[in-house]
Amino acid sequence: MSEVAITIKLPFQQLLKAIEGLTEQERLVLRKKLEQQTPASWQERFERALNLLGEKNKDIPLEQVQSDVARAIQEVRAIRDREN
């Protein structure tokens, strides 16, 4: 029998409802399958997040980003100074 790959777009809540309808044996098979996938390291996840943010914010000028970062640093330092 040949295999065919399909892609289903399903809202997450509907996916959860479908999983709730599985038998205990089916849930065990699903859990084992999910555990087989090697989790990405925190560095890989962080890099993916940075890349995603970079793509979403590519239209923001570098000067504005640097200004926002400098202001955020000042705010955090001010909070720290007030608490000490």
PDB file of N, CA and C in Angstrom:
ATOM      1  N   MET A   1       0.843  -1.175   0.000  1.00  0.00           N
ATOM      2  CA  MET A   1       0.000   0.000   0.000  1.00  0.00           C
ATOM      3  C   MET A   1       0.889   1.239   0.000  1.00  0.00           C
ATOM      4  N   SER A   2       0.618   2.162  -0.900  1.00  0.00           N
ATOM      5  CA  SER A   2       1.427   3.373  -0.977  1.00  0.00           C
ATOM      6  C   SER A   2       0.958   4.379   0.074  1.00  0.00           C
ATOM      7  N   GLU A   3       1.893   5.249   0.454  1.00  0.00           N
ATOM      8  CA  GLU A   3       1.581   6.272   1.450  1.00  0.00           C
ATOM      9  C   GLU A   3       1.437   7.611   0.760  1.00  0.00           C
ATOM     10  N   VAL A   4       0.513   8.401   1.249  1.00  0.00           N
ATOM     11  CA  VAL A   4       0.282   9.732   0.724  1.00  0.00           C
ATOM     12  C   VAL A   4       0.341  10.700   1.898  1.00  0.00           C
ATOM     13  N   ALA A   5       1.150  11.738   1.771  1.00  0.00           N
ATOM     14  CA  ALA A   5       1.236  12.751   2.814  1.00  0.00           C
ATOM     15  C   ALA A   5       0.183  13.813   2.555  1.00  0.00           C
ATOM     16  N   ILE A   6      -0.516  14.194   3.612  1.00  0.00           N
ATOM     17  CA  ILE A   6      -1.502  15.254   3.494  1.00  0.00           C
ATOM     18  C   ILE A   6      -1.237  16.300   4.573  1.00  0.00           C
ATOM     19  N   THR A   7      -1.658  17.516   4.303  1.00  0.00           N
ATOM     20  CA  THR A   7      -1.546  18.593   5.274  1.00  0.00           C
ATOM     21  C   THR A   7      -2.945  19.063   5.597  1.00  0.00           C
ATOM     22  N   ILE A   8      -3.236  19.135   6.893  1.00  0.00           N
ATOM     23  CA  ILE A   8      -4.548  19.582   7.338  1.00  0.00           C
ATOM     24  C   ILE A   8      -4.355  20.827   8.180  1.00  0.00           C
ATOM     25  N   LYS A   9      -5.046  21.893   7.808  1.00  0.00           N
ATOM     26  CA  LYS A   9      -5.025  23.103   8.628  1.00  0.00           C
ATOM     27  C   LYS A   9      -6.191  23.006   9.595  1.00  0.00           C
ATOM     28  N   LEU A  10      -5.842  22.959  10.879  1.00  0.00           N
ATOM     29  CA  LEU A  10      -6.846  22.739  11.909  1.00  0.00           C
ATOM     30  C   LEU A  10      -6.550  23.653  13.087  1.00  0.00           C
ATOM     31  N   PRO A  11      -7.524  24.422  13.542  1.00  0.00           N
ATOM     32  CA  PRO A  11      -7.279  25.260  14.712  1.00  0.00           C
ATOM     33  C   PRO A  11      -6.844  24.398  15.900  1.00  0.00           C
ATOM     34  N   PHE A  12      -5.972  24.942  16.731  1.00  0.00           N
ATOM     35  CA  PHE A  12      -5.386  24.183  17.832  1.00  0.00           C
ATOM     36  C   PHE A  12      -6.452  23.611  18.760  1.00  0.00           C
ATOM     37  N   GLN A  13      -7.489  24.381  19.049  1.00  0.00           N
ATOM     38  CA  GLN A  13      -8.545  23.894  19.946  1.00  0.00           C
ATOM     39  C   GLN A  13      -9.250  22.670  19.358  1.00  0.00           C
ATOM     40  N   GLN A  14      -9.430  22.661  18.045  1.00  0.00           N
ATOM     41  CA  GLN A  14     -10.048  21.496  17.405  1.00  0.00           C
ATOM     42  C   GLN A  14      -9.107  20.294  17.472  1.00  0.00           C
ATOM     43  N   LEU A  15      -7.815  20.552  17.338  1.00  0.00           N
ATOM     44  CA  LEU A  15      -6.839  19.475  17.470  1.00  0.00           C
ATOM     45  C   LEU A  15      -6.905  18.870  18.859  1.00  0.00           C
ATOM     46  N   LEU A  16      -6.992  19.724  19.883  1.00  0.00           N
ATOM     47  CA  LEU A  16      -7.078  19.219  21.257  1.00  0.00           C
ATOM     48  C   LEU A  16      -8.332  18.373  21.452  1.00  0.00           C
ATOM     49  N   LYS A  17      -9.444  18.817  20.887  1.00  0.00           N
ATOM     50  CA  LYS A  17     -10.685  18.035  20.995  1.00  0.00           C
ATOM     51  C   LYS A  17     -10.534  16.679  20.311  1.00  0.00           C
ATOM     52  N   ALA A  18      -9.860  16.667  19.160  1.00  0.00           N
ATOM     53  CA  ALA A  18      -9.643  15.405  18.456  1.00  0.00           C
ATOM     54  C   ALA A  18      -8.776  14.469  19.289  1.00  0.00           C
ATOM     55  N   ILE A  19      -7.749  15.015  19.930  1.00  0.00           N
ATOM     56  CA  ILE A  19      -6.868  14.192  20.764  1.00  0.00           C
ATOM     57  C   ILE A  19      -7.634  13.643  21.957  1.00  0.00           C
ATOM     58  N   GLU A  20      -8.513  14.467  22.533  1.00  0.00           N
ATOM     59  CA  GLU A  20      -9.318  14.005  23.660  1.00  0.00           C
ATOM     60  C   GLU A  20     -10.193  12.817  23.273  1.00  0.00           C
ATOM     61  N   GLY A  21     -10.542  12.706  21.998  1.00  0.00           N
ATOM     62  CA  GLY A  21     -11.380  11.607  21.534  1.00  0.00           C
ATOM     63  C   GLY A  21     -10.624  10.312  21.269  1.00  0.00           C
ATOM     64  N   LEU A  22      -9.298  10.355  21.367  1.00  0.00           N
ATOM     65  CA  LEU A  22      -8.506   9.153  21.129  1.00  0.00           C
ATOM     66  C   LEU A  22      -8.636   8.174  22.286  1.00  0.00           C
ATOM     67  N   THR A  23      -8.431   6.914  21.979  1.00  0.00           N
ATOM     68  CA  THR A  23      -8.400   5.908  23.041  1.00  0.00           C
ATOM     69  C   THR A  23      -7.075   6.035  23.787  1.00  0.00           C
ATOM     70  N   GLU A  24      -6.988   5.389  24.942  1.00  0.00           N
ATOM     71  CA  GLU A  24      -5.743   5.436  25.714  1.00  0.00           C
ATOM     72  C   GLU A  24      -4.580   4.866  24.898  1.00  0.00           C
ATOM     73  N   GLN A  25      -4.834   3.790  24.149  1.00  0.00           N
ATOM     74  CA  GLN A  25      -3.780   3.188  23.328  1.00  0.00           C
ATOM     75  C   GLN A  25      -3.338   4.153  22.232  1.00  0.00           C
ATOM     76  N   GLU A  26      -4.287   4.821  21.604  1.00  0.00           N
ATOM     77  CA  GLU A  26      -3.955   5.788  20.561  1.00  0.00           C
ATOM     78  C   GLU A  26      -3.173   6.974  21.137  1.00  0.00           C
ATOM     79  N   ARG A  27      -3.550   7.409  22.335  1.00  0.00           N
ATOM     80  CA  ARG A  27      -2.812   8.497  22.989  1.00  0.00           C
ATOM     81  C   ARG A  27      -1.387   8.076  23.310  1.00  0.00           C
ATOM     82  N   LEU A  28      -1.214   6.830  23.727  1.00  0.00           N
ATOM     83  CA  LEU A  28       0.126   6.319  24.031  1.00  0.00           C
ATOM     84  C   LEU A  28       0.981   6.301  22.773  1.00  0.00           C
ATOM     85  N   VAL A  29       0.422   5.857  21.657  1.00  0.00           N
ATOM     86  CA  VAL A  29       1.153   5.844  20.386  1.00  0.00           C
ATOM     87  C   VAL A  29       1.529   7.273  19.995  1.00  0.00           C
ATOM     88  N   LEU A  30       0.591   8.203  20.124  1.00  0.00           N
ATOM     89  CA  LEU A  30       0.858   9.600  19.798  1.00  0.00           C
ATOM     90  C   LEU A  30       1.958  10.167  20.697  1.00  0.00           C
ATOM     91  N   ARG A  31       1.878   9.888  21.996  1.00  0.00           N
ATOM     92  CA  ARG A  31       2.891  10.389  22.931  1.00  0.00           C
ATOM     93  C   ARG A  31       4.269   9.859  22.573  1.00  0.00           C
ATOM     94  N   LYS A  32       4.364   8.558  22.266  1.00  0.00           N
ATOM     95  CA  LYS A  32       5.661   7.974  21.905  1.00  0.00           C
ATOM     96  C   LYS A  32       6.205   8.595  20.624  1.00  0.00           C
ATOM     97  N   LYS A  33       5.333   8.836  19.674  1.00  0.00           N
ATOM     98  CA  LYS A  33       5.756   9.451  18.415  1.00  0.00           C
ATOM     99  C   LYS A  33       6.281  10.862  18.653  1.00  0.00           C
ATOM    100  N   LEU A  34       5.598  11.619  19.483  1.00  0.00           N
ATOM    101  CA  LEU A  34       6.029  12.983  19.772  1.00  0.00           C
ATOM    102  C   LEU A  34       7.345  12.994  20.553  1.00  0.00           C
ATOM    103  N   GLU A  35       7.526  12.039  21.438  1.00  0.00           N
ATOM    104  CA  GLU A  35       8.758  11.979  22.229  1.00  0.00           C
ATOM    105  C   GLU A  35       9.956  11.563  21.388  1.00  0.00           C
ATOM    106  N   GLN A  36       9.720  10.897  20.270  1.00  0.00           N
ATOM    107  CA  GLN A  36      10.822  10.474  19.394  1.00  0.00           C
ATOM    108  C   GLN A  36      11.485  11.671  18.727  1.00  0.00           C
ATOM    109  N   GLN A  37      10.734  12.711  18.542  1.00  0.00           N
ATOM    110  CA  GLN A  37      11.296  13.893  17.904  1.00  0.00           C
ATOM    111  C   GLN A  37      12.281  14.528  18.870  1.00  0.00           C
ATOM    112  N   THR A  38      13.479  14.782  18.385  1.00  0.00           N
ATOM    113  CA  THR A  38      14.485  15.369  19.254  1.00  0.00           C
ATOM    114  C   THR A  38      14.174  16.845  19.457  1.00  0.00           C
ATOM    115  N   PRO A  39      14.068  17.256  20.711  1.00  0.00           N
ATOM    116  CA  PRO A  39      13.782  18.666  20.957  1.00  0.00           C
ATOM    117  C   PRO A  39      14.970  19.537  20.578  1.00  0.00           C
ATOM    118  N   ALA A  40      14.661  20.691  20.072  1.00  0.00           N
ATOM    119  CA  ALA A  40      15.719  21.626  19.700  1.00  0.00           C
ATOM    120  C   ALA A  40      16.327  22.214  20.970  1.00  0.00           C
ATOM    121  N   SER A  41      17.593  22.522  20.912  1.00  0.00           N
ATOM    122  CA  SER A  41      18.244  23.139  22.056  1.00  0.00           C
ATOM    123  C   SER A  41      17.708  24.550  22.234  1.00  0.00           C
ATOM    124  N   TRP A  42      17.943  25.133  23.391  1.00  0.00           N
ATOM    125  CA  TRP A  42      17.451  26.489  23.632  1.00  0.00           C
ATOM    126  C   TRP A  42      18.123  27.465  22.676  1.00  0.00           C
ATOM    127  N   GLN A  43      19.374  27.161  22.288  1.00  0.00           N
ATOM    128  CA  GLN A  43      20.060  28.047  21.356  1.00  0.00           C
ATOM    129  C   GLN A  43      19.376  28.033  19.987  1.00  0.00           C
ATOM    130  N   GLU A  44      18.975  26.846  19.545  1.00  0.00           N
ATOM    131  CA  GLU A  44      18.293  26.742  18.255  1.00  0.00           C
ATOM    132  C   GLU A  44      16.925  27.441  18.293  1.00  0.00           C
ATOM    133  N   ARG A  45      16.199  27.247  19.392  1.00  0.00           N
ATOM    134  CA  ARG A  45      14.891  27.906  19.525  1.00  0.00           C
ATOM    135  C   ARG A  45      15.058  29.423  19.584  1.00  0.00           C
ATOM    136  N   PHE A  46      16.094  29.889  20.297  1.00  0.00           N
ATOM    137  CA  PHE A  46      16.350  31.319  20.406  1.00  0.00           C
ATOM    138  C   PHE A  46      16.710  31.897  19.041  1.00  0.00           C
ATOM    139  N   GLU A  47      17.542  31.179  18.296  1.00  0.00           N
ATOM    140  CA  GLU A  47      17.926  31.649  16.964  1.00  0.00           C
ATOM    141  C   GLU A  47      16.709  31.726  16.038  1.00  0.00           C
ATOM    142  N   ARG A  48      15.834  30.722  16.097  1.00  0.00           N
ATOM    143  CA  ARG A  48      14.616  30.745  15.280  1.00  0.00           C
ATOM    144  C   ARG A  48      13.736  31.939  15.658  1.00  0.00           C
ATOM    145  N   ALA A  49      13.632  32.196  16.973  1.00  0.00           N
ATOM    146  CA  ALA A  49      12.824  33.335  17.425  1.00  0.00           C
ATOM    147  C   ALA A  49      13.410  34.648  16.930  1.00  0.00           C
ATOM    148  N   LEU A  50      14.725  34.781  17.027  1.00  0.00           N
ATOM    149  CA  LEU A  50      15.363  36.006  16.535  1.00  0.00           C
ATOM    150  C   LEU A  50      15.154  36.181  15.041  1.00  0.00           C
ATOM    151  N   ASN A  51      15.290  35.099  14.294  1.00  0.00           N
ATOM    152  CA  ASN A  51      15.079  35.176  12.844  1.00  0.00           C
ATOM    153  C   ASN A  51      13.648  35.571  12.510  1.00  0.00           C
ATOM    154  N   LEU A  52      12.703  34.996  13.235  1.00  0.00           N
ATOM    155  CA  LEU A  52      11.295  35.321  13.005  1.00  0.00           C
ATOM    156  C   LEU A  52      11.024  36.790  13.318  1.00  0.00           C
ATOM    157  N   LEU A  53      11.548  37.254  14.457  1.00  0.00           N
ATOM    158  CA  LEU A  53      11.374  38.665  14.809  1.00  0.00           C
ATOM    159  C   LEU A  53      12.050  39.565  13.784  1.00  0.00           C
ATOM    160  N   GLY A  54      13.223  39.172  13.314  1.00  0.00           N
ATOM    161  CA  GLY A  54      13.921  39.962  12.308  1.00  0.00           C
ATOM    162  C   GLY A  54      13.112  40.092  11.034  1.00  0.00           C
ATOM    163  N   GLU A  55      12.486  39.000  10.623  1.00  0.00           N
ATOM    164  CA  GLU A  55      11.660  39.041   9.409  1.00  0.00           C
ATOM    165  C   GLU A  55      10.431  39.926   9.604  1.00  0.00           C
ATOM    166  N   LYS A  56       9.811  39.822  10.766  1.00  0.00           N
ATOM    167  CA  LYS A  56       8.597  40.602  11.016  1.00  0.00           C
ATOM    168  C   LYS A  56       8.888  42.088  11.160  1.00  0.00           C
ATOM    169  N   ASN A  57      10.097  42.432  11.575  1.00  0.00           N
ATOM    170  CA  ASN A  57      10.441  43.825  11.848  1.00  0.00           C
ATOM    171  C   ASN A  57      11.467  44.392  10.873  1.00  0.00           C
ATOM    172  N   LYS A  58      11.586  43.801   9.711  1.00  0.00           N
ATOM    173  CA  LYS A  58      12.629  44.226   8.769  1.00  0.00           C
ATOM    174  C   LYS A  58      12.423  45.643   8.234  1.00  0.00           C
ATOM    175  N   ASP A  59      11.219  46.179   8.363  1.00  0.00           N
ATOM    176  CA  ASP A  59      10.948  47.531   7.870  1.00  0.00           C
ATOM    177  C   ASP A  59      11.240  48.622   8.901  1.00  0.00           C
ATOM    178  N   ILE A  60      11.623  48.215  10.111  1.00  0.00           N
ATOM    179  CA  ILE A  60      11.923  49.198  11.160  1.00  0.00           C
ATOM    180  C   ILE A  60      13.383  49.619  11.025  1.00  0.00           C
ATOM    181  N   PRO A  61      13.648  50.913  10.947  1.00  0.00           N
ATOM    182  CA  PRO A  61      15.038  51.385  10.785  1.00  0.00           C
ATOM    183  C   PRO A  61      15.912  50.990  11.973  1.00  0.00           C
ATOM    184  N   LEU A  62      17.168  50.678  11.700  1.00  0.00           N
ATOM    185  CA  LEU A  62      18.119  50.273  12.729  1.00  0.00           C
ATOM    186  C   LEU A  62      18.252  51.340  13.812  1.00  0.00           C
ATOM    187  N   GLU A  63      18.221  52.598  13.420  1.00  0.00           N
ATOM    188  CA  GLU A  63      18.344  53.686  14.388  1.00  0.00           C
ATOM    189  C   GLU A  63      17.210  53.651  15.409  1.00  0.00           C
ATOM    190  N   GLN A  64      16.005  53.340  14.952  1.00  0.00           N
ATOM    191  CA  GLN A  64      14.864  53.266  15.856  1.00  0.00           C
ATOM    192  C   GLN A  64      15.030  52.095  16.827  1.00  0.00           C
ATOM    193  N   VAL A  65      15.502  50.970  16.314  1.00  0.00           N
ATOM    194  CA  VAL A  65      15.727  49.798  17.168  1.00  0.00           C
ATOM    195  C   VAL A  65      16.770  50.126  18.233  1.00  0.00           C
ATOM    196  N   GLN A  66      17.867  50.742  17.824  1.00  0.00           N
ATOM    197  CA  GLN A  66      18.919  51.092  18.776  1.00  0.00           C
ATOM    198  C   GLN A  66      18.406  52.073  19.819  1.00  0.00           C
ATOM    199  N   SER A  67      17.598  53.038  19.403  1.00  0.00           N
ATOM    200  CA  SER A  67      17.013  54.002  20.316  1.00  0.00           C
ATOM    201  C   SER A  67      16.082  53.318  21.313  1.00  0.00           C
ATOM    202  N   ASP A  68      15.252  52.399  20.819  1.00  0.00           N
ATOM    203  CA  ASP A  68      14.335  51.666  21.695  1.00  0.00           C
ATOM    204  C   ASP A  68      15.095  50.827  22.710  1.00  0.00           C
ATOM    205  N   VAL A  69      16.161  50.180  22.262  1.00  0.00           N
ATOM    206  CA  VAL A  69      16.968  49.345  23.160  1.00  0.00           C
ATOM    207  C   VAL A  69      17.620  50.214  24.222  1.00  0.00           C
ATOM    208  N   ALA A  70      18.190  51.348  23.840  1.00  0.00           N
ATOM    209  CA  ALA A  70      18.836  52.242  24.802  1.00  0.00           C
ATOM    210  C   ALA A  70      17.826  52.745  25.837  1.00  0.00           C
ATOM    211  N   ARG A  71      16.622  53.092  25.371  1.00  0.00           N
ATOM    212  CA  ARG A  71      15.580  53.560  26.291  1.00  0.00           C
ATOM    213  C   ARG A  71      15.152  52.440  27.243  1.00  0.00           C
ATOM    214  N   ALA A  72      15.030  51.222  26.732  1.00  0.00           N
ATOM    215  CA  ALA A  72      14.651  50.087  27.579  1.00  0.00           C
ATOM    216  C   ALA A  72      15.711  49.830  28.650  1.00  0.00           C
ATOM    217  N   ILE A  73      16.971  49.936  28.273  1.00  0.00           N
ATOM    218  CA  ILE A  73      18.063  49.749  29.237  1.00  0.00           C
ATOM    219  C   ILE A  73      17.964  50.808  30.334  1.00  0.00           C
ATOM    220  N   GLN A  74      17.718  52.035  29.948  1.00  0.00           N
ATOM    221  CA  GLN A  74      17.588  53.118  30.933  1.00  0.00           C
ATOM    222  C   GLN A  74      16.422  52.859  31.886  1.00  0.00           C
ATOM    223  N   GLU A  75      15.295  52.390  31.347  1.00  0.00           N
ATOM    224  CA  GLU A  75      14.127  52.109  32.177  1.00  0.00           C
ATOM    225  C   GLU A  75      14.416  50.997  33.180  1.00  0.00           C
ATOM    226  N   VAL A  76      15.070  49.938  32.721  1.00  0.00           N
ATOM    227  CA  VAL A  76      15.389  48.819  33.610  1.00  0.00           C
ATOM    228  C   VAL A  76      16.358  49.263  34.693  1.00  0.00           C
ATOM    229  N   ARG A  77      17.361  50.046  34.325  1.00  0.00           N
ATOM    230  CA  ARG A  77      18.325  50.540  35.313  1.00  0.00           C
ATOM    231  C   ARG A  77      17.651  51.457  36.327  1.00  0.00           C
ATOM    232  N   ALA A  78      16.712  52.285  35.872  1.00  0.00           N
ATOM    233  CA  ALA A  78      15.995  53.175  36.783  1.00  0.00           C
ATOM    234  C   ALA A  78      15.171  52.369  37.781  1.00  0.00           C
ATOM    235  N   ILE A  79      14.514  51.326  37.318  1.00  0.00           N
ATOM    236  CA  ILE A  79      13.736  50.458  38.214  1.00  0.00           C
ATOM    237  C   ILE A  79      14.664  49.795  39.219  1.00  0.00           C
ATOM    238  N   ARG A  80      15.787  49.283  38.743  1.00  0.00           N
ATOM    239  CA  ARG A  80      16.757  48.626  39.632  1.00  0.00           C
ATOM    240  C   ARG A  80      17.284  49.597  40.670  1.00  0.00           C
ATOM    241  N   ASP A  81      17.580  50.815  40.243  1.00  0.00           N
ATOM    242  CA  ASP A  81      18.109  51.829  41.176  1.00  0.00           C
ATOM    243  C   ASP A  81      17.080  52.207  42.232  1.00  0.00           C
ATOM    244  N   ARG A  82      15.810  52.289  41.826  1.00  0.00           N
ATOM    245  CA  ARG A  82      14.755  52.624  42.791  1.00  0.00           C
ATOM    246  C   ARG A  82      14.578  51.515  43.820  1.00  0.00           C
ATOM    247  N   GLU A  83      14.762  50.269  43.390  1.00  0.00           N
ATOM    248  CA  GLU A  83      14.577  49.136  44.300  1.00  0.00           C
ATOM    249  C   GLU A  83      15.745  48.954  45.241  1.00  0.00           C
ATOM    250  N   ASN A  84      16.902  49.484  44.921  1.00  0.00           N
ATOM    251  CA  ASN A  84      18.097  49.329  45.776  1.00  0.00           C
ATOM    252  C   ASN A  84      18.277  50.468  46.701  1.00  0.00           C
TER     253      ASN A  84
END
